[in-house]
Amino acid sequence: SLVPVQAARASHTGIRRPLEPSKEEKDDEFTARWTEFFRTAEDRHEIQRGLNNLWAYDLIPATDVLAAALGKCREYNDFALACRVMDGLKLVCQSDEQFGHYKDALSPILEELGVSESDSFQAY
């Protein structure tokens, strides 16, 4: 017999973790939840799903969250997904100066990913 699509997806990834908070969260709880989400992401699709949801909030995530997402990109050796993280950050920052501060804070992990100012992120 045919398996419904939802059942097939659930069996593929196990238990799906909720992305939305169930109550009003404080900033540090939000940061901890999203940092843990990216640190335990099971595959690239889950990272992409998390990024889509994260960018939907009307805020700029803490550097811990972004570092966790970039770290998982490094684990999967996915340069394109790391660029997507930085593209999303560039879009939500209110100024080039603000983006520069985030880029400076994330520079150790960007260097680990092999991203240098002179080649990969010239547009930034």
N, C-alpha and C. Protein backbone atom coordinates (compact mmCIF):
# COMPACT_ATOMS: atom_id res chain seq x y z
N SER A 1 0.83 -1.18 0.00
CA SER A 1 0.00 0.00 0.00
C SER A 1 0.88 1.24 0.00
N LEU A 2 0.31 2.34 -0.44
CA LEU A 2 1.03 3.60 -0.51
C LEU A 2 1.11 4.26 0.85
N VAL A 3 2.23 4.88 1.11
CA VAL A 3 2.43 5.60 2.37
C VAL A 3 2.18 7.08 2.11
N PRO A 4 1.34 7.73 2.91
CA PRO A 4 1.13 9.17 2.72
C PRO A 4 2.44 9.93 2.80
N VAL A 5 2.54 11.03 2.06
CA VAL A 5 3.77 11.82 2.00
C VAL A 5 4.23 12.26 3.38
N GLN A 6 3.32 12.75 4.21
CA GLN A 6 3.70 13.20 5.54
C GLN A 6 4.31 12.07 6.36
N ALA A 7 3.71 10.88 6.26
CA ALA A 7 4.24 9.74 7.01
C ALA A 7 5.61 9.35 6.50
N ALA A 8 5.81 9.43 5.18
CA ALA A 8 7.12 9.09 4.61
C ALA A 8 8.17 10.09 5.07
N ARG A 9 7.83 11.36 5.09
CA ARG A 9 8.80 12.36 5.55
C ARG A 9 9.13 12.17 7.02
N ALA A 10 8.12 11.92 7.83
CA ALA A 10 8.34 11.73 9.26
C ALA A 10 9.23 10.53 9.53
N SER A 11 9.03 9.47 8.76
CA SER A 11 9.84 8.27 9.00
C SER A 11 11.26 8.47 8.50
N HIS A 12 11.45 9.35 7.50
CA HIS A 12 12.78 9.60 6.97
C HIS A 12 13.65 10.36 7.97
N THR A 13 13.11 11.37 8.60
CA THR A 13 13.93 12.21 9.49
C THR A 13 13.67 11.95 10.96
N GLY A 14 12.81 11.02 11.26
CA GLY A 14 12.48 10.78 12.66
C GLY A 14 11.47 11.79 13.14
N ILE A 15 11.56 12.17 14.36
CA ILE A 15 10.63 13.13 14.93
C ILE A 15 11.02 14.53 14.48
N ARG A 16 10.06 15.23 13.92
CA ARG A 16 10.33 16.60 13.48
C ARG A 16 10.26 17.54 14.67
N ARG A 17 11.26 18.37 14.78
CA ARG A 17 11.31 19.31 15.88
C ARG A 17 10.57 20.58 15.51
N PRO A 18 9.78 21.11 16.42
CA PRO A 18 9.07 22.36 16.12
C PRO A 18 10.05 23.52 16.04
N LEU A 19 9.79 24.42 15.11
CA LEU A 19 10.64 25.60 14.96
C LEU A 19 10.06 26.81 15.67
N GLU A 20 8.76 26.84 15.84
CA GLU A 20 8.11 27.98 16.44
C GLU A 20 8.08 27.86 17.97
N PRO A 21 8.27 28.96 18.66
CA PRO A 21 8.22 28.90 20.12
C PRO A 21 6.79 28.65 20.59
N SER A 22 6.67 27.94 21.69
CA SER A 22 5.34 27.65 22.22
C SER A 22 4.89 28.71 23.22
N LYS A 23 5.78 29.60 23.62
CA LYS A 23 5.43 30.66 24.56
C LYS A 23 6.30 31.87 24.24
N GLU A 24 6.05 32.94 24.94
CA GLU A 24 6.88 34.14 24.77
C GLU A 24 8.31 33.82 25.22
N GLU A 25 9.27 34.08 24.35
CA GLU A 25 10.67 33.76 24.67
C GLU A 25 11.47 35.01 24.97
N LYS A 26 12.41 34.87 25.85
CA LYS A 26 13.39 35.93 26.09
C LYS A 26 14.48 35.79 25.03
N ASP A 27 15.26 36.83 24.85
CA ASP A 27 16.30 36.82 23.82
C ASP A 27 17.29 35.67 24.00
N ASP A 28 17.73 35.43 25.24
CA ASP A 28 18.70 34.37 25.46
C ASP A 28 18.09 32.99 25.22
N GLU A 29 16.81 32.81 25.50
CA GLU A 29 16.14 31.54 25.21
C GLU A 29 16.02 31.32 23.70
N PHE A 30 15.69 32.39 22.98
CA PHE A 30 15.59 32.33 21.53
C PHE A 30 16.95 31.94 20.93
N THR A 31 18.00 32.61 21.40
CA THR A 31 19.34 32.33 20.91
C THR A 31 19.74 30.89 21.21
N ALA A 32 19.48 30.43 22.43
CA ALA A 32 19.82 29.06 22.80
C ALA A 32 19.06 28.04 21.95
N ARG A 33 17.79 28.31 21.70
CA ARG A 33 16.97 27.36 20.92
C ARG A 33 17.47 27.26 19.50
N TRP A 34 17.77 28.40 18.87
CA TRP A 34 18.22 28.36 17.49
C TRP A 34 19.66 27.86 17.37
N THR A 35 20.50 28.17 18.33
CA THR A 35 21.86 27.64 18.31
C THR A 35 21.82 26.12 18.39
N GLU A 36 21.01 25.60 19.29
CA GLU A 36 20.87 24.15 19.42
C GLU A 36 20.27 23.54 18.16
N PHE A 37 19.30 24.23 17.57
CA PHE A 37 18.69 23.72 16.33
C PHE A 37 19.75 23.51 15.26
N PHE A 38 20.59 24.52 15.03
CA PHE A 38 21.60 24.39 13.98
C PHE A 38 22.70 23.41 14.35
N ARG A 39 23.06 23.35 15.60
CA ARG A 39 24.11 22.40 16.02
C ARG A 39 23.67 20.95 15.84
N THR A 40 22.37 20.70 15.93
CA THR A 40 21.87 19.31 15.84
C THR A 40 21.15 19.03 14.53
N ALA A 41 21.23 19.93 13.57
CA ALA A 41 20.57 19.71 12.28
C ALA A 41 21.09 18.42 11.65
N GLU A 42 20.17 17.60 11.16
CA GLU A 42 20.52 16.28 10.64
C GLU A 42 20.99 16.28 9.20
N ASP A 43 20.60 17.29 8.43
CA ASP A 43 21.00 17.34 7.02
C ASP A 43 20.89 18.75 6.49
N ARG A 44 21.32 18.93 5.24
CA ARG A 44 21.29 20.26 4.63
C ARG A 44 19.88 20.82 4.52
N HIS A 45 18.94 19.94 4.22
CA HIS A 45 17.55 20.38 4.10
C HIS A 45 17.06 21.00 5.41
N GLU A 46 17.41 20.40 6.52
CA GLU A 46 16.98 20.93 7.82
C GLU A 46 17.64 22.29 8.10
N ILE A 47 18.88 22.46 7.68
CA ILE A 47 19.55 23.75 7.84
C ILE A 47 18.83 24.80 6.99
N GLN A 48 18.50 24.46 5.75
CA GLN A 48 17.80 25.39 4.87
C GLN A 48 16.42 25.75 5.44
N ARG A 49 15.72 24.77 5.95
CA ARG A 49 14.40 25.00 6.55
C ARG A 49 14.55 25.94 7.75
N GLY A 50 15.56 25.69 8.57
CA GLY A 50 15.81 26.55 9.72
C GLY A 50 16.14 27.98 9.31
N LEU A 51 16.97 28.13 8.28
CA LEU A 51 17.31 29.47 7.80
C LEU A 51 16.08 30.20 7.29
N ASN A 52 15.24 29.50 6.54
CA ASN A 52 14.01 30.13 6.04
C ASN A 52 13.16 30.64 7.19
N ASN A 53 13.01 29.84 8.23
CA ASN A 53 12.22 30.26 9.38
C ASN A 53 12.91 31.36 10.18
N LEU A 54 14.21 31.26 10.34
CA LEU A 54 14.95 32.26 11.10
C LEU A 54 14.86 33.64 10.44
N TRP A 55 15.02 33.69 9.12
CA TRP A 55 14.98 34.98 8.43
C TRP A 55 13.57 35.56 8.41
N ALA A 56 12.56 34.74 8.66
CA ALA A 56 11.17 35.24 8.68
C ALA A 56 10.89 36.09 9.92
N TYR A 57 11.68 35.93 10.96
CA TYR A 57 11.51 36.78 12.15
C TYR A 57 11.98 38.19 11.82
N ASP A 58 11.43 39.16 12.46
CA ASP A 58 11.81 40.54 12.24
C ASP A 58 12.94 40.92 13.19
N LEU A 59 14.10 40.29 13.02
CA LEU A 59 15.24 40.54 13.88
C LEU A 59 16.51 40.07 13.22
N ILE A 60 17.62 40.44 13.82
CA ILE A 60 18.91 39.94 13.38
C ILE A 60 19.37 38.94 14.43
N PRO A 61 19.64 37.70 14.02
CA PRO A 61 20.03 36.69 15.00
C PRO A 61 21.37 37.00 15.66
N ALA A 62 21.55 36.46 16.84
CA ALA A 62 22.82 36.62 17.56
C ALA A 62 23.94 35.91 16.81
N THR A 63 25.16 36.36 17.05
CA THR A 63 26.30 35.74 16.37
C THR A 63 26.45 34.27 16.72
N ASP A 64 26.02 33.87 17.93
CA ASP A 64 26.08 32.44 18.30
C ASP A 64 25.24 31.58 17.37
N VAL A 65 24.06 32.09 17.00
CA VAL A 65 23.17 31.36 16.10
C VAL A 65 23.80 31.27 14.71
N LEU A 66 24.31 32.38 14.23
CA LEU A 66 24.94 32.40 12.91
C LEU A 66 26.19 31.52 12.88
N ALA A 67 26.96 31.55 13.95
CA ALA A 67 28.16 30.71 14.02
C ALA A 67 27.79 29.23 14.01
N ALA A 68 26.70 28.87 14.70
CA ALA A 68 26.25 27.47 14.69
C ALA A 68 25.81 27.05 13.30
N ALA A 69 25.09 27.93 12.60
CA ALA A 69 24.66 27.62 11.23
C ALA A 69 25.87 27.49 10.30
N LEU A 70 26.81 28.41 10.41
CA LEU A 70 28.01 28.33 9.58
C LEU A 70 28.86 27.11 9.93
N GLY A 71 28.91 26.77 11.21
CA GLY A 71 29.65 25.58 11.63
C GLY A 71 29.08 24.32 11.02
N LYS A 72 27.76 24.25 10.95
CA LYS A 72 27.12 23.08 10.34
C LYS A 72 27.37 23.07 8.83
N CYS A 73 27.42 24.26 8.22
CA CYS A 73 27.79 24.33 6.80
C CYS A 73 29.19 23.77 6.59
N ARG A 74 30.09 24.09 7.52
CA ARG A 74 31.46 23.57 7.44
C ARG A 74 31.47 22.06 7.59
N GLU A 75 30.66 21.56 8.53
CA GLU A 75 30.58 20.12 8.76
C GLU A 75 30.14 19.39 7.49
N TYR A 76 29.19 19.98 6.76
CA TYR A 76 28.71 19.37 5.51
C TYR A 76 29.51 19.82 4.30
N ASN A 77 30.53 20.67 4.53
CA ASN A 77 31.37 21.18 3.46
C ASN A 77 30.53 21.83 2.37
N ASP A 78 29.59 22.67 2.79
CA ASP A 78 28.63 23.29 1.88
C ASP A 78 28.88 24.80 1.82
N PHE A 79 29.73 25.20 0.90
CA PHE A 79 30.09 26.60 0.75
C PHE A 79 28.89 27.43 0.32
N ALA A 80 28.07 26.90 -0.58
CA ALA A 80 26.91 27.65 -1.07
C ALA A 80 25.93 27.98 0.06
N LEU A 81 25.74 27.04 0.96
CA LEU A 81 24.83 27.28 2.08
C LEU A 81 25.42 28.32 3.04
N ALA A 82 26.74 28.31 3.20
CA ALA A 82 27.40 29.34 4.02
C ALA A 82 27.19 30.72 3.39
N CYS A 83 27.27 30.78 2.07
CA CYS A 83 27.01 32.05 1.37
C CYS A 83 25.57 32.48 1.60
N ARG A 84 24.65 31.53 1.64
CA ARG A 84 23.25 31.85 1.88
C ARG A 84 23.06 32.46 3.27
N VAL A 85 23.78 31.94 4.25
CA VAL A 85 23.72 32.51 5.59
C VAL A 85 24.16 33.98 5.54
N MET A 86 25.28 34.23 4.88
CA MET A 86 25.80 35.59 4.81
C MET A 86 24.89 36.50 3.97
N ASP A 87 24.30 35.96 2.91
CA ASP A 87 23.36 36.74 2.10
C ASP A 87 22.15 37.15 2.95
N GLY A 88 21.63 36.21 3.72
CA GLY A 88 20.49 36.52 4.59
C GLY A 88 20.85 37.57 5.63
N LEU A 89 22.04 37.44 6.18
CA LEU A 89 22.50 38.43 7.17
C LEU A 89 22.61 39.80 6.53
N LYS A 90 23.16 39.86 5.33
CA LYS A 90 23.31 41.14 4.63
C LYS A 90 21.94 41.80 4.41
N LEU A 91 20.94 40.98 4.11
CA LEU A 91 19.60 41.52 3.85
C LEU A 91 18.92 42.06 5.10
N VAL A 92 19.16 41.44 6.26
CA VAL A 92 18.47 41.88 7.47
C VAL A 92 19.21 42.99 8.21
N CYS A 93 20.50 43.16 7.93
CA CYS A 93 21.24 44.25 8.57
C CYS A 93 20.75 45.58 8.02
N GLN A 94 20.72 46.57 8.90
CA GLN A 94 20.18 47.88 8.52
C GLN A 94 21.21 48.80 7.89
N SER A 95 22.48 48.43 7.97
CA SER A 95 23.51 49.26 7.36
C SER A 95 24.74 48.41 7.06
N ASP A 96 25.60 48.94 6.21
CA ASP A 96 26.85 48.25 5.91
C ASP A 96 27.74 48.17 7.14
N GLU A 97 27.66 49.19 7.97
CA GLU A 97 28.46 49.21 9.21
C GLU A 97 28.02 48.07 10.14
N GLN A 98 26.72 47.89 10.28
CA GLN A 98 26.20 46.81 11.12
C GLN A 98 26.62 45.45 10.56
N PHE A 99 26.51 45.29 9.25
CA PHE A 99 26.93 44.04 8.62
C PHE A 99 28.43 43.81 8.85
N GLY A 100 29.22 44.88 8.78
CA GLY A 100 30.66 44.77 9.03
C GLY A 100 30.97 44.27 10.43
N HIS A 101 30.21 44.73 11.42
CA HIS A 101 30.42 44.27 12.80
C HIS A 101 30.12 42.77 12.91
N TYR A 102 29.05 42.33 12.27
CA TYR A 102 28.73 40.89 12.29
C TYR A 102 29.79 40.09 11.56
N LYS A 103 30.23 40.60 10.42
CA LYS A 103 31.25 39.90 9.65
C LYS A 103 32.55 39.79 10.45
N ASP A 104 32.90 40.85 11.17
CA ASP A 104 34.10 40.81 12.01
C ASP A 104 33.96 39.77 13.12
N ALA A 105 32.79 39.72 13.74
CA ALA A 105 32.56 38.76 14.82
C ALA A 105 32.58 37.32 14.31
N LEU A 106 32.18 37.13 13.06
CA LEU A 106 32.13 35.78 12.47
C LEU A 106 33.39 35.43 11.69
N SER A 107 34.37 36.33 11.67
CA SER A 107 35.56 36.11 10.84
C SER A 107 36.31 34.81 11.14
N PRO A 108 36.42 34.36 12.40
CA PRO A 108 37.13 33.09 12.61
C PRO A 108 36.48 31.92 11.88
N ILE A 109 35.17 31.82 11.93
CA ILE A 109 34.52 30.70 11.26
C ILE A 109 34.50 30.89 9.75
N LEU A 110 34.43 32.14 9.29
CA LEU A 110 34.51 32.39 7.85
C LEU A 110 35.88 31.99 7.31
N GLU A 111 36.92 32.26 8.08
CA GLU A 111 38.27 31.85 7.68
C GLU A 111 38.37 30.33 7.65
N GLU A 112 37.76 29.67 8.63
CA GLU A 112 37.77 28.21 8.67
C GLU A 112 37.06 27.62 7.45
N LEU A 113 36.02 28.32 6.98
CA LEU A 113 35.30 27.88 5.78
C LEU A 113 36.08 28.17 4.51
N GLY A 114 37.15 28.94 4.63
CA GLY A 114 37.95 29.29 3.46
C GLY A 114 37.42 30.49 2.71
N VAL A 115 36.63 31.30 3.37
CA VAL A 115 36.06 32.49 2.75
C VAL A 115 36.97 33.66 3.08
N SER A 116 37.49 34.28 2.05
CA SER A 116 38.33 35.46 2.29
C SER A 116 37.67 36.68 1.67
N GLU A 117 37.99 37.80 2.19
CA GLU A 117 37.41 39.06 1.72
C GLU A 117 37.73 39.29 0.25
N SER A 118 38.90 38.85 -0.19
CA SER A 118 39.36 39.17 -1.54
C SER A 118 38.71 38.32 -2.63
N ASP A 119 38.19 37.13 -2.29
CA ASP A 119 37.67 36.32 -3.39
C ASP A 119 36.17 36.07 -3.33
N SER A 120 35.70 35.44 -2.30
CA SER A 120 34.35 34.92 -2.33
C SER A 120 33.25 35.93 -2.04
N PHE A 121 33.49 36.85 -1.15
CA PHE A 121 32.43 37.79 -0.75
C PHE A 121 32.76 39.21 -1.21
N GLN A 122 33.18 39.36 -2.45
CA GLN A 122 33.54 40.68 -2.95
C GLN A 122 32.35 41.65 -2.91
N ALA A 123 31.14 41.12 -3.09
CA ALA A 123 29.96 41.98 -3.10
C ALA A 123 29.67 42.57 -1.73
N TYR A 124 30.23 41.99 -0.70
CA TYR A 124 29.94 42.49 0.64
C TYR A 124 30.96 43.53 1.00
